């Protein structure tokens, strides 16, 4: 019974721990950098906040989804989009660009922190019941 309860709330618990961890991360300097007008025809302003996209990437990793799968998952889950802090689901290209800007090392380090804290919280919940 404890295992069923923990697995049911697993995504919600992971998301809560991830939100706490993301709050401590500073936005990288290259996040809001606009394209060079000399090299590109203009540039689209950044629509998505850094922390929201970081949460998106962490959830993508948690669910082991590819970019297209994550785009579809978010488009079919408006409640998750709101929890992340987005007005609309990002496209696969937007998720991919965010992944490049954020980098694998930051995601790996943050994921390790979240997983260790997540496991600790689940063990405490199981011990208290």
Protein backbone atom coordinates (compact mmCIF):
# COMPACT_ATOMS: atom_id res chain seq x y z
CA UNK A 1 0.00 0.00 0.00
CA UNK A 2 2.84 2.41 0.81
CA UNK A 3 4.47 1.67 -2.54
CA UNK A 4 1.21 2.37 -4.42
CA UNK A 5 0.76 5.65 -2.57
CA UNK A 6 4.36 6.70 -3.26
CA UNK A 7 4.19 5.79 -6.95
CA UNK A 8 0.88 7.64 -7.38
CA UNK A 9 2.32 10.82 -5.94
CA UNK A 10 5.75 10.32 -7.48
CA UNK A 11 5.39 12.87 -10.30
CA UNK A 12 3.89 15.47 -7.99
CA UNK A 13 6.67 14.93 -5.43
CA UNK A 14 9.35 15.07 -8.12
CA UNK A 15 7.87 18.30 -9.44
CA UNK A 16 7.79 19.91 -5.97
CA UNK A 17 11.42 18.97 -5.32
CA UNK A 18 12.43 20.15 -8.81
CA UNK A 19 10.74 23.53 -8.29
CA UNK A 20 12.65 24.04 -5.05
CA UNK A 21 15.96 23.14 -6.68
CA UNK A 22 15.33 25.34 -9.74
CA UNK A 23 14.64 28.38 -7.54
CA UNK A 24 18.30 28.35 -6.45
CA UNK A 25 19.71 28.31 -9.99
CA UNK A 26 20.82 31.58 -11.61
CA UNK A 27 19.82 32.35 -15.18
CA UNK A 28 22.80 31.95 -17.54
CA UNK A 29 24.07 35.07 -19.27
CA UNK A 30 23.31 33.68 -22.72
CA UNK A 31 19.61 33.07 -21.98
CA UNK A 32 18.21 36.36 -23.27
CA UNK A 33 20.86 36.99 -25.88
CA UNK A 34 19.23 38.15 -29.11
CA UNK A 35 20.44 37.10 -32.52
CA UNK A 36 22.98 39.25 -34.32
CA UNK A 37 21.04 41.27 -36.96
CA UNK A 38 24.12 41.17 -39.21
CA UNK A 39 23.99 37.36 -39.35
CA UNK A 40 20.24 36.76 -39.08
CA UNK A 41 17.19 38.57 -40.34
CA UNK A 42 16.05 39.95 -37.01
CA UNK A 43 15.42 37.66 -34.15
CA UNK A 44 12.57 36.43 -32.10
CA UNK A 45 12.47 37.65 -28.50
CA UNK A 46 12.70 34.98 -25.83
CA UNK A 47 9.13 34.03 -24.90
CA UNK A 48 9.92 31.45 -22.26
CA UNK A 49 11.43 32.11 -18.86
CA UNK A 50 14.62 30.28 -17.94
CA UNK A 51 13.28 28.52 -14.84
CA UNK A 52 10.14 27.34 -16.64
CA UNK A 53 12.19 25.84 -19.44
CA UNK A 54 14.58 24.27 -16.94
CA UNK A 55 11.59 22.59 -15.26
CA UNK A 56 10.38 21.45 -18.68
CA UNK A 57 13.74 19.83 -19.41
CA UNK A 58 13.88 18.18 -16.00
CA UNK A 59 10.39 16.73 -16.51
CA UNK A 60 11.40 15.60 -19.97
CA UNK A 61 14.34 13.77 -18.45
CA UNK A 62 12.18 12.35 -15.65
CA UNK A 63 9.68 10.94 -18.17
CA UNK A 64 12.49 9.90 -20.57
CA UNK A 65 10.84 11.69 -23.48
CA UNK A 66 12.28 13.06 -26.69
CA UNK A 67 11.58 16.66 -27.78
CA UNK A 68 8.52 15.81 -29.90
CA UNK A 69 7.11 13.56 -27.18
CA UNK A 70 7.53 16.29 -24.57
CA UNK A 71 5.85 18.84 -26.82
CA UNK A 72 2.87 16.50 -27.28
CA UNK A 73 2.78 15.67 -23.55
CA UNK A 74 2.64 19.35 -22.62
CA UNK A 75 0.06 20.21 -25.28
CA UNK A 76 -2.17 17.46 -23.87
CA UNK A 77 -1.54 18.45 -20.24
CA UNK A 78 -2.46 22.12 -19.77
CA UNK A 79 -2.38 21.68 -15.97
CA UNK A 80 1.32 20.78 -16.17
CA UNK A 81 1.99 23.78 -18.41
CA UNK A 82 0.41 26.04 -15.77
CA UNK A 83 2.33 24.32 -12.95
CA UNK A 84 5.57 24.94 -14.81
CA UNK A 85 4.62 28.60 -15.14
CA UNK A 86 4.04 28.78 -18.88
CA UNK A 87 1.15 30.35 -20.77
CA UNK A 88 1.36 27.79 -23.56
CA UNK A 89 3.27 24.62 -24.32
CA UNK A 90 6.62 25.21 -26.03
CA UNK A 91 7.38 23.66 -29.41
CA UNK A 92 9.96 20.91 -29.80
CA UNK A 93 12.35 23.44 -31.35
CA UNK A 94 11.99 25.79 -28.38
CA UNK A 95 12.66 22.91 -25.96
CA UNK A 96 15.67 21.87 -28.03
CA UNK A 97 17.11 25.42 -28.10
CA UNK A 98 16.63 25.70 -24.34
CA UNK A 99 18.46 22.39 -23.89
CA UNK A 100 21.41 23.71 -25.89
CA UNK A 101 21.55 26.99 -23.94
CA UNK A 102 21.21 25.36 -20.53
CA UNK A 103 23.65 22.56 -21.24
CA UNK A 104 23.88 18.95 -20.23
CA UNK A 105 26.21 19.50 -17.28
CA UNK A 106 23.79 21.88 -15.53
CA UNK A 107 20.88 19.49 -16.13
CA UNK A 108 22.88 16.48 -14.91
CA UNK A 109 24.01 18.26 -11.73
CA UNK A 110 20.53 19.55 -10.99
CA UNK A 111 18.99 16.17 -11.73
CA UNK A 112 21.40 14.50 -9.26
CA UNK A 113 20.43 16.98 -6.56
CA UNK A 114 16.73 16.48 -7.23
CA UNK A 115 16.95 12.68 -7.29
CA UNK A 116 18.86 12.50 -4.01
CA UNK A 117 16.43 14.88 -2.31
CA UNK A 118 13.45 13.14 -3.90
CA UNK A 119 14.59 9.73 -2.62
CA UNK A 120 15.16 11.19 0.84
CA UNK A 121 11.66 12.71 0.91
CA UNK A 122 10.01 9.46 -0.25
CA UNK A 123 11.90 7.46 2.40
CA UNK A 124 10.80 9.92 5.10
CA UNK A 125 7.18 9.67 3.92
CA UNK A 126 7.34 5.87 4.00
CA UNK A 127 8.89 5.87 7.48
CA UNK A 128 6.18 8.18 8.84
CA UNK A 129 3.32 5.91 7.70
